[in-house]
Amino acid sequence: MSAAVERRLAQFRAARGSTGAPAPAPAPLRSAEPPAEAANGQARGGGAPRALKAVLWAVLLALAAGLGLALPVGLLAGLYWMHAATRGPAERRRGELSAYSVFNPGCAAIPGTLTAAQLERELLYRPAAGSAG
């Protein structure tokens, strides 16, 4: 575990043990506020408002449906939306890890990730490495 996680765990245990009352909820790890460009209605990747993009997509889909090409246009639009919705390493904040460990430096997993070694250990009822007991 990282030092910050261990420190917060120690604070939680100290608060819970000293008063006997439930500890207050921990502070959120990330800001719940959307990015500035999303707050003003702008899409992350481009400069056009999202509503305009949706209207243009609907018009294109209607034209494609008239030509019998609605399925390919819909599939291509879906692939584009998946590509546009994923953030690359350059768009992440400093220190922010991806949920997929293969995209992190050194394939580092985010805290709380269930690993194959941990699952095997728990299924076979083995104690964790380095723990007493």
N, C-alpha and C. Protein backbone atom coordinates (compact mmCIF):
# COMPACT_ATOMS: atom_id res chain seq x y z
N MET A 1 0.84 -1.19 0.00
CA MET A 1 0.00 0.00 0.00
C MET A 1 0.87 1.24 0.00
N SER A 2 0.35 2.31 -0.54
CA SER A 2 1.12 3.54 -0.57
C SER A 2 1.08 4.20 0.81
N ALA A 3 1.99 5.12 1.03
CA ALA A 3 2.08 5.79 2.32
C ALA A 3 0.82 6.58 2.61
N ALA A 4 0.22 7.19 1.59
CA ALA A 4 -1.00 7.98 1.81
C ALA A 4 -2.16 7.09 2.25
N VAL A 5 -2.28 5.92 1.65
CA VAL A 5 -3.35 4.99 2.01
C VAL A 5 -3.14 4.49 3.43
N GLU A 6 -1.89 4.15 3.77
CA GLU A 6 -1.60 3.67 5.12
C GLU A 6 -1.87 4.76 6.15
N ARG A 7 -1.55 6.02 5.84
CA ARG A 7 -1.79 7.12 6.76
C ARG A 7 -3.30 7.31 6.99
N ARG A 8 -4.08 7.26 5.91
CA ARG A 8 -5.53 7.43 6.06
C ARG A 8 -6.15 6.27 6.82
N LEU A 9 -5.62 5.06 6.63
CA LEU A 9 -6.11 3.90 7.36
C LEU A 9 -5.80 4.04 8.84
N ALA A 10 -4.61 4.52 9.17
CA ALA A 10 -4.26 4.74 10.57
C ALA A 10 -5.15 5.80 11.19
N GLN A 11 -5.45 6.87 10.46
CA GLN A 11 -6.35 7.91 10.97
C GLN A 11 -7.76 7.35 11.20
N PHE A 12 -8.22 6.52 10.27
CA PHE A 12 -9.54 5.91 10.40
C PHE A 12 -9.59 5.03 11.65
N ARG A 13 -8.58 4.18 11.81
CA ARG A 13 -8.57 3.28 12.97
C ARG A 13 -8.47 4.06 14.27
N ALA A 14 -7.68 5.13 14.30
CA ALA A 14 -7.55 5.94 15.51
C ALA A 14 -8.86 6.63 15.85
N ALA A 15 -9.53 7.17 14.85
CA ALA A 15 -10.81 7.86 15.09
C ALA A 15 -11.88 6.89 15.54
N ARG A 16 -11.89 5.72 14.99
CA ARG A 16 -12.91 4.73 15.35
C ARG A 16 -12.65 4.15 16.73
N GLY A 17 -11.40 3.92 17.07
CA GLY A 17 -11.07 3.30 18.35
C GLY A 17 -11.16 4.26 19.51
N SER A 18 -10.88 5.55 19.30
CA SER A 18 -10.84 6.49 20.42
C SER A 18 -12.23 6.94 20.86
N THR A 19 -13.18 7.10 19.97
CA THR A 19 -14.49 7.60 20.34
C THR A 19 -15.55 6.52 20.42
N GLY A 20 -15.33 5.41 19.75
CA GLY A 20 -16.34 4.36 19.73
C GLY A 20 -17.45 4.63 18.73
N ALA A 21 -17.51 5.85 18.22
CA ALA A 21 -18.52 6.22 17.23
C ALA A 21 -17.98 5.92 15.84
N PRO A 22 -18.88 5.74 14.87
CA PRO A 22 -18.38 5.52 13.51
C PRO A 22 -17.57 6.71 13.04
N ALA A 23 -16.54 6.42 12.30
CA ALA A 23 -15.67 7.47 11.78
C ALA A 23 -16.38 8.22 10.65
N PRO A 24 -16.01 9.49 10.47
CA PRO A 24 -16.61 10.23 9.36
C PRO A 24 -16.18 9.64 8.03
N ALA A 25 -16.98 9.90 7.03
CA ALA A 25 -16.68 9.37 5.69
C ALA A 25 -15.39 9.98 5.18
N PRO A 26 -14.54 9.17 4.55
CA PRO A 26 -13.29 9.72 4.03
C PRO A 26 -13.54 10.68 2.89
N ALA A 27 -12.61 11.57 2.70
CA ALA A 27 -12.73 12.54 1.61
C ALA A 27 -12.63 11.82 0.27
N PRO A 28 -13.36 12.30 -0.73
CA PRO A 28 -13.26 11.63 -2.04
C PRO A 28 -11.86 11.74 -2.60
N LEU A 29 -11.44 10.70 -3.34
CA LEU A 29 -10.10 10.67 -3.89
C LEU A 29 -9.95 11.61 -5.08
N ARG A 30 -11.02 11.81 -5.82
CA ARG A 30 -10.97 12.68 -6.99
C ARG A 30 -12.05 13.74 -6.87
N SER A 31 -11.84 14.81 -7.54
CA SER A 31 -12.83 15.87 -7.56
C SER A 31 -14.07 15.43 -8.31
N ALA A 32 -15.25 15.70 -7.74
CA ALA A 32 -16.50 15.34 -8.40
C ALA A 32 -16.89 16.37 -9.45
N GLU A 33 -16.13 17.45 -9.53
CA GLU A 33 -16.43 18.51 -10.46
C GLU A 33 -15.97 18.14 -11.87
N PRO A 34 -16.81 18.36 -12.88
CA PRO A 34 -16.39 18.02 -14.24
C PRO A 34 -15.31 18.96 -14.72
N PRO A 35 -14.54 18.57 -15.72
CA PRO A 35 -13.53 19.47 -16.27
C PRO A 35 -14.16 20.75 -16.78
N ALA A 36 -13.38 21.80 -16.86
CA ALA A 36 -13.91 23.11 -17.23
C ALA A 36 -14.56 23.10 -18.61
N GLU A 37 -13.96 22.38 -19.57
CA GLU A 37 -14.55 22.39 -20.91
C GLU A 37 -15.86 21.62 -20.96
N ALA A 38 -16.05 20.62 -20.08
CA ALA A 38 -17.31 19.88 -20.05
C ALA A 38 -18.39 20.70 -19.35
N ALA A 39 -17.99 21.57 -18.43
CA ALA A 39 -18.97 22.36 -17.69
C ALA A 39 -19.66 23.39 -18.57
N ASN A 40 -18.99 23.90 -19.59
CA ASN A 40 -19.61 24.92 -20.42
C ASN A 40 -20.24 24.35 -21.69
N GLY A 41 -20.43 23.02 -21.73
CA GLY A 41 -21.12 22.42 -22.86
C GLY A 41 -20.22 22.05 -24.02
N GLN A 42 -18.93 22.22 -23.87
CA GLN A 42 -18.01 21.89 -24.95
C GLN A 42 -17.57 20.44 -24.80
N ALA A 43 -17.41 19.76 -25.90
CA ALA A 43 -16.89 18.40 -25.87
C ALA A 43 -15.39 18.45 -25.62
N ARG A 44 -14.86 17.39 -25.05
CA ARG A 44 -13.45 17.36 -24.70
C ARG A 44 -12.56 17.41 -25.93
N GLY A 45 -12.93 16.68 -26.97
CA GLY A 45 -12.04 16.56 -28.13
C GLY A 45 -12.12 17.71 -29.10
N GLY A 46 -13.23 18.38 -29.23
CA GLY A 46 -13.36 19.41 -30.24
C GLY A 46 -13.91 20.70 -29.68
N GLY A 47 -14.19 21.65 -30.58
CA GLY A 47 -14.67 22.93 -30.14
C GLY A 47 -16.18 23.09 -30.29
N ALA A 48 -16.84 22.18 -30.98
CA ALA A 48 -18.28 22.32 -31.20
C ALA A 48 -19.05 21.84 -29.98
N PRO A 49 -20.17 22.49 -29.64
CA PRO A 49 -20.99 22.02 -28.53
C PRO A 49 -21.53 20.62 -28.81
N ARG A 50 -21.79 19.89 -27.76
CA ARG A 50 -22.26 18.52 -27.90
C ARG A 50 -23.61 18.45 -28.61
N ALA A 51 -24.47 19.43 -28.35
CA ALA A 51 -25.79 19.41 -28.98
C ALA A 51 -25.66 19.52 -30.51
N LEU A 52 -24.74 20.34 -30.97
CA LEU A 52 -24.54 20.50 -32.41
C LEU A 52 -24.03 19.20 -33.02
N LYS A 53 -23.11 18.54 -32.33
CA LYS A 53 -22.60 17.26 -32.82
C LYS A 53 -23.71 16.22 -32.89
N ALA A 54 -24.61 16.21 -31.89
CA ALA A 54 -25.71 15.25 -31.88
C ALA A 54 -26.67 15.51 -33.03
N VAL A 55 -26.95 16.79 -33.32
CA VAL A 55 -27.85 17.13 -34.43
C VAL A 55 -27.21 16.73 -35.76
N LEU A 56 -25.93 17.00 -35.92
CA LEU A 56 -25.24 16.62 -37.16
C LEU A 56 -25.23 15.10 -37.34
N TRP A 57 -25.02 14.37 -36.24
CA TRP A 57 -25.04 12.91 -36.31
C TRP A 57 -26.43 12.41 -36.71
N ALA A 58 -27.48 12.99 -36.12
CA ALA A 58 -28.84 12.56 -36.45
C ALA A 58 -29.17 12.82 -37.92
N VAL A 59 -28.73 13.96 -38.46
CA VAL A 59 -28.97 14.27 -39.87
C VAL A 59 -28.21 13.29 -40.75
N LEU A 60 -26.95 13.00 -40.40
CA LEU A 60 -26.16 12.04 -41.17
C LEU A 60 -26.80 10.65 -41.12
N LEU A 61 -27.29 10.24 -39.97
CA LEU A 61 -27.93 8.94 -39.85
C LEU A 61 -29.22 8.88 -40.66
N ALA A 62 -29.98 9.97 -40.68
CA ALA A 62 -31.21 10.00 -41.48
C ALA A 62 -30.89 9.90 -42.97
N LEU A 63 -29.87 10.60 -43.41
CA LEU A 63 -29.47 10.50 -44.82
C LEU A 63 -28.97 9.09 -45.14
N ALA A 64 -28.21 8.50 -44.22
CA ALA A 64 -27.70 7.15 -44.46
C ALA A 64 -28.84 6.14 -44.47
N ALA A 65 -29.85 6.34 -43.63
CA ALA A 65 -31.00 5.43 -43.61
C ALA A 65 -31.75 5.49 -44.94
N GLY A 66 -31.83 6.68 -45.52
CA GLY A 66 -32.48 6.83 -46.82
C GLY A 66 -31.73 6.09 -47.92
N LEU A 67 -30.43 5.96 -47.77
CA LEU A 67 -29.62 5.25 -48.76
C LEU A 67 -29.41 3.78 -48.39
N GLY A 68 -29.95 3.36 -47.26
CA GLY A 68 -29.80 1.98 -46.81
C GLY A 68 -28.46 1.71 -46.16
N LEU A 69 -27.81 2.73 -45.66
CA LEU A 69 -26.49 2.58 -45.04
C LEU A 69 -26.50 2.93 -43.55
N ALA A 70 -27.65 2.79 -42.90
CA ALA A 70 -27.75 3.17 -41.49
C ALA A 70 -26.87 2.30 -40.60
N LEU A 71 -26.79 1.00 -40.87
CA LEU A 71 -26.00 0.10 -40.04
C LEU A 71 -24.51 0.44 -40.09
N PRO A 72 -23.89 0.58 -41.26
CA PRO A 72 -22.46 0.94 -41.26
C PRO A 72 -22.19 2.31 -40.62
N VAL A 73 -23.06 3.29 -40.89
CA VAL A 73 -22.86 4.61 -40.31
C VAL A 73 -23.01 4.54 -38.79
N GLY A 74 -23.98 3.78 -38.31
CA GLY A 74 -24.17 3.63 -36.87
C GLY A 74 -22.98 2.94 -36.21
N LEU A 75 -22.44 1.91 -36.86
CA LEU A 75 -21.27 1.22 -36.31
C LEU A 75 -20.05 2.13 -36.29
N LEU A 76 -19.83 2.87 -37.36
CA LEU A 76 -18.70 3.79 -37.38
C LEU A 76 -18.86 4.90 -36.34
N ALA A 77 -20.08 5.39 -36.17
CA ALA A 77 -20.31 6.42 -35.15
C ALA A 77 -20.06 5.86 -33.76
N GLY A 78 -20.47 4.62 -33.51
CA GLY A 78 -20.21 4.00 -32.21
C GLY A 78 -18.73 3.83 -31.94
N LEU A 79 -17.98 3.41 -32.95
CA LEU A 79 -16.53 3.29 -32.79
C LEU A 79 -15.88 4.64 -32.52
N TYR A 80 -16.36 5.67 -33.23
CA TYR A 80 -15.82 7.01 -32.99
C TYR A 80 -16.12 7.47 -31.56
N TRP A 81 -17.35 7.25 -31.08
CA TRP A 81 -17.71 7.68 -29.72
C TRP A 81 -16.88 6.95 -28.68
N MET A 82 -16.61 5.66 -28.90
CA MET A 82 -15.75 4.93 -27.95
C MET A 82 -14.34 5.51 -27.96
N HIS A 83 -13.84 5.83 -29.14
CA HIS A 83 -12.50 6.42 -29.23
C HIS A 83 -12.45 7.79 -28.57
N ALA A 84 -13.47 8.61 -28.81
CA ALA A 84 -13.49 9.96 -28.27
C ALA A 84 -13.70 9.97 -26.75
N ALA A 85 -14.36 8.94 -26.23
CA ALA A 85 -14.67 8.91 -24.80
C ALA A 85 -13.49 8.43 -23.95
N THR A 86 -12.53 7.76 -24.55
CA THR A 86 -11.38 7.28 -23.78
C THR A 86 -10.31 8.34 -23.76
N ARG A 87 -9.72 8.49 -22.58
CA ARG A 87 -8.68 9.49 -22.43
C ARG A 87 -7.32 8.83 -22.54
N GLY A 88 -6.45 9.44 -23.25
CA GLY A 88 -5.10 8.93 -23.39
C GLY A 88 -4.22 9.39 -22.25
N PRO A 89 -2.98 8.91 -22.21
CA PRO A 89 -2.07 9.30 -21.13
C PRO A 89 -1.83 10.80 -21.06
N ALA A 90 -1.86 11.49 -22.18
CA ALA A 90 -1.61 12.93 -22.16
C ALA A 90 -2.76 13.71 -21.52
N GLU A 91 -3.96 13.14 -21.48
CA GLU A 91 -5.12 13.84 -20.93
C GLU A 91 -5.34 13.56 -19.45
N ARG A 92 -4.58 12.64 -18.87
CA ARG A 92 -4.73 12.35 -17.44
C ARG A 92 -4.00 13.39 -16.61
N ARG A 93 -4.51 13.58 -15.38
CA ARG A 93 -3.84 14.47 -14.44
C ARG A 93 -2.57 13.81 -13.94
N ARG A 94 -1.66 14.59 -13.42
CA ARG A 94 -0.40 14.07 -12.90
C ARG A 94 -0.68 13.10 -11.76
N GLY A 95 -0.14 11.90 -11.86
CA GLY A 95 -0.32 10.89 -10.81
C GLY A 95 -1.58 10.05 -10.95
N GLU A 96 -2.47 10.40 -11.86
CA GLU A 96 -3.70 9.64 -12.05
C GLU A 96 -3.40 8.37 -12.83
N LEU A 97 -3.90 7.24 -12.31
CA LEU A 97 -3.66 5.96 -12.96
C LEU A 97 -4.88 5.54 -13.75
N SER A 98 -4.65 4.76 -14.80
CA SER A 98 -5.73 4.19 -15.58
C SER A 98 -6.31 3.00 -14.84
N ALA A 99 -7.58 2.70 -15.07
CA ALA A 99 -8.19 1.53 -14.47
C ALA A 99 -7.61 0.25 -15.04
N TYR A 100 -7.03 0.33 -16.21
CA TYR A 100 -6.39 -0.82 -16.84
C TYR A 100 -4.90 -0.74 -16.60
N SER A 101 -4.37 -1.68 -15.82
CA SER A 101 -2.97 -1.59 -15.40
C SER A 101 -1.98 -1.62 -16.55
N VAL A 102 -2.33 -2.20 -17.69
CA VAL A 102 -1.39 -2.25 -18.81
C VAL A 102 -1.09 -0.86 -19.37
N PHE A 103 -1.92 0.13 -19.09
CA PHE A 103 -1.69 1.48 -19.57
C PHE A 103 -0.94 2.34 -18.56
N ASN A 104 -0.64 1.80 -17.37
CA ASN A 104 0.05 2.55 -16.33
C ASN A 104 1.56 2.29 -16.42
N PRO A 105 2.37 3.23 -15.96
CA PRO A 105 3.82 3.01 -15.95
C PRO A 105 4.17 1.78 -15.11
N GLY A 106 4.92 0.88 -15.66
CA GLY A 106 5.30 -0.34 -14.95
C GLY A 106 4.13 -1.28 -14.70
N CYS A 107 3.04 -1.13 -15.42
CA CYS A 107 1.82 -1.94 -15.24
C CYS A 107 1.32 -1.91 -13.80
N ALA A 108 1.41 -0.76 -13.16
CA ALA A 108 0.96 -0.61 -11.77
C ALA A 108 -0.55 -0.69 -11.69
N ALA A 109 -1.05 -1.50 -10.75
CA ALA A 109 -2.50 -1.64 -10.55
C ALA A 109 -2.99 -0.55 -9.60
N ILE A 110 -4.24 -0.13 -9.75
CA ILE A 110 -4.81 0.85 -8.85
C ILE A 110 -5.15 0.15 -7.52
N PRO A 111 -5.17 0.90 -6.41
CA PRO A 111 -5.50 0.29 -5.12
C PRO A 111 -6.88 -0.36 -5.16
N GLY A 112 -6.97 -1.54 -4.58
CA GLY A 112 -8.23 -2.26 -4.54
C GLY A 112 -8.44 -3.23 -5.68
N THR A 113 -7.48 -3.33 -6.57
CA THR A 113 -7.59 -4.25 -7.70
C THR A 113 -7.37 -5.67 -7.22
N LEU A 114 -8.23 -6.58 -7.63
CA LEU A 114 -8.08 -7.99 -7.29
C LEU A 114 -7.12 -8.61 -8.29
N THR A 115 -6.00 -9.12 -7.79
CA THR A 115 -5.02 -9.74 -8.66
C THR A 115 -5.21 -11.25 -8.66
N ALA A 116 -4.65 -11.90 -9.65
CA ALA A 116 -4.75 -13.36 -9.73
C ALA A 116 -4.08 -14.01 -8.53
N ALA A 117 -2.93 -13.47 -8.09
CA ALA A 117 -2.24 -14.04 -6.93
C ALA A 117 -3.09 -13.91 -5.67
N GLN A 118 -3.74 -12.76 -5.49
CA GLN A 118 -4.59 -12.56 -4.32
C GLN A 118 -5.79 -13.50 -4.37
N LEU A 119 -6.39 -13.66 -5.53
CA LEU A 119 -7.55 -14.54 -5.66
C LEU A 119 -7.16 -15.99 -5.36
N GLU A 120 -6.04 -16.43 -5.90
CA GLU A 120 -5.58 -17.80 -5.63
C GLU A 120 -5.30 -17.99 -4.14
N ARG A 121 -4.65 -17.01 -3.51
CA ARG A 121 -4.34 -17.08 -2.09
C ARG A 121 -5.62 -17.17 -1.26
N GLU A 122 -6.63 -16.38 -1.61
CA GLU A 122 -7.88 -16.40 -0.85
C GLU A 122 -8.67 -17.67 -1.08
N LEU A 123 -8.62 -18.21 -2.29
CA LEU A 123 -9.33 -19.46 -2.56
C LEU A 123 -8.70 -20.64 -1.84
N LEU A 124 -7.38 -20.59 -1.68
CA LEU A 124 -6.68 -21.69 -1.03
C LEU A 124 -6.45 -21.42 0.47
N TYR A 125 -7.00 -20.33 1.00
CA TYR A 125 -6.93 -19.98 2.43
C TYR A 125 -5.51 -19.86 2.93
N ARG A 126 -4.64 -19.27 2.14
CA ARG A 126 -3.27 -19.04 2.57
C ARG A 126 -3.16 -17.63 3.15
N PRO A 127 -2.32 -17.45 4.15
CA PRO A 127 -2.12 -16.08 4.67
C PRO A 127 -1.36 -15.23 3.65
N ALA A 128 -1.54 -13.95 3.73
CA ALA A 128 -0.85 -13.03 2.82
C ALA A 128 0.63 -13.05 3.11
N ALA A 129 1.43 -12.83 2.10
CA ALA A 129 2.89 -12.82 2.26
C ALA A 129 3.29 -11.69 3.20
N GLY A 130 4.11 -12.02 4.17
CA GLY A 130 4.59 -10.99 5.11
C GLY A 130 3.67 -10.74 6.27
N SER A 131 2.54 -11.43 6.36
CA SER A 131 1.64 -11.19 7.49
C SER A 131 1.86 -12.28 8.53
N ALA A 132 1.67 -11.92 9.76
CA ALA A 132 1.85 -12.88 10.85
C ALA A 132 0.52 -13.57 11.09
N GLY A 133 0.49 -14.84 10.92
CA GLY A 133 -0.74 -15.54 11.24
C GLY A 133 -1.13 -16.41 10.16
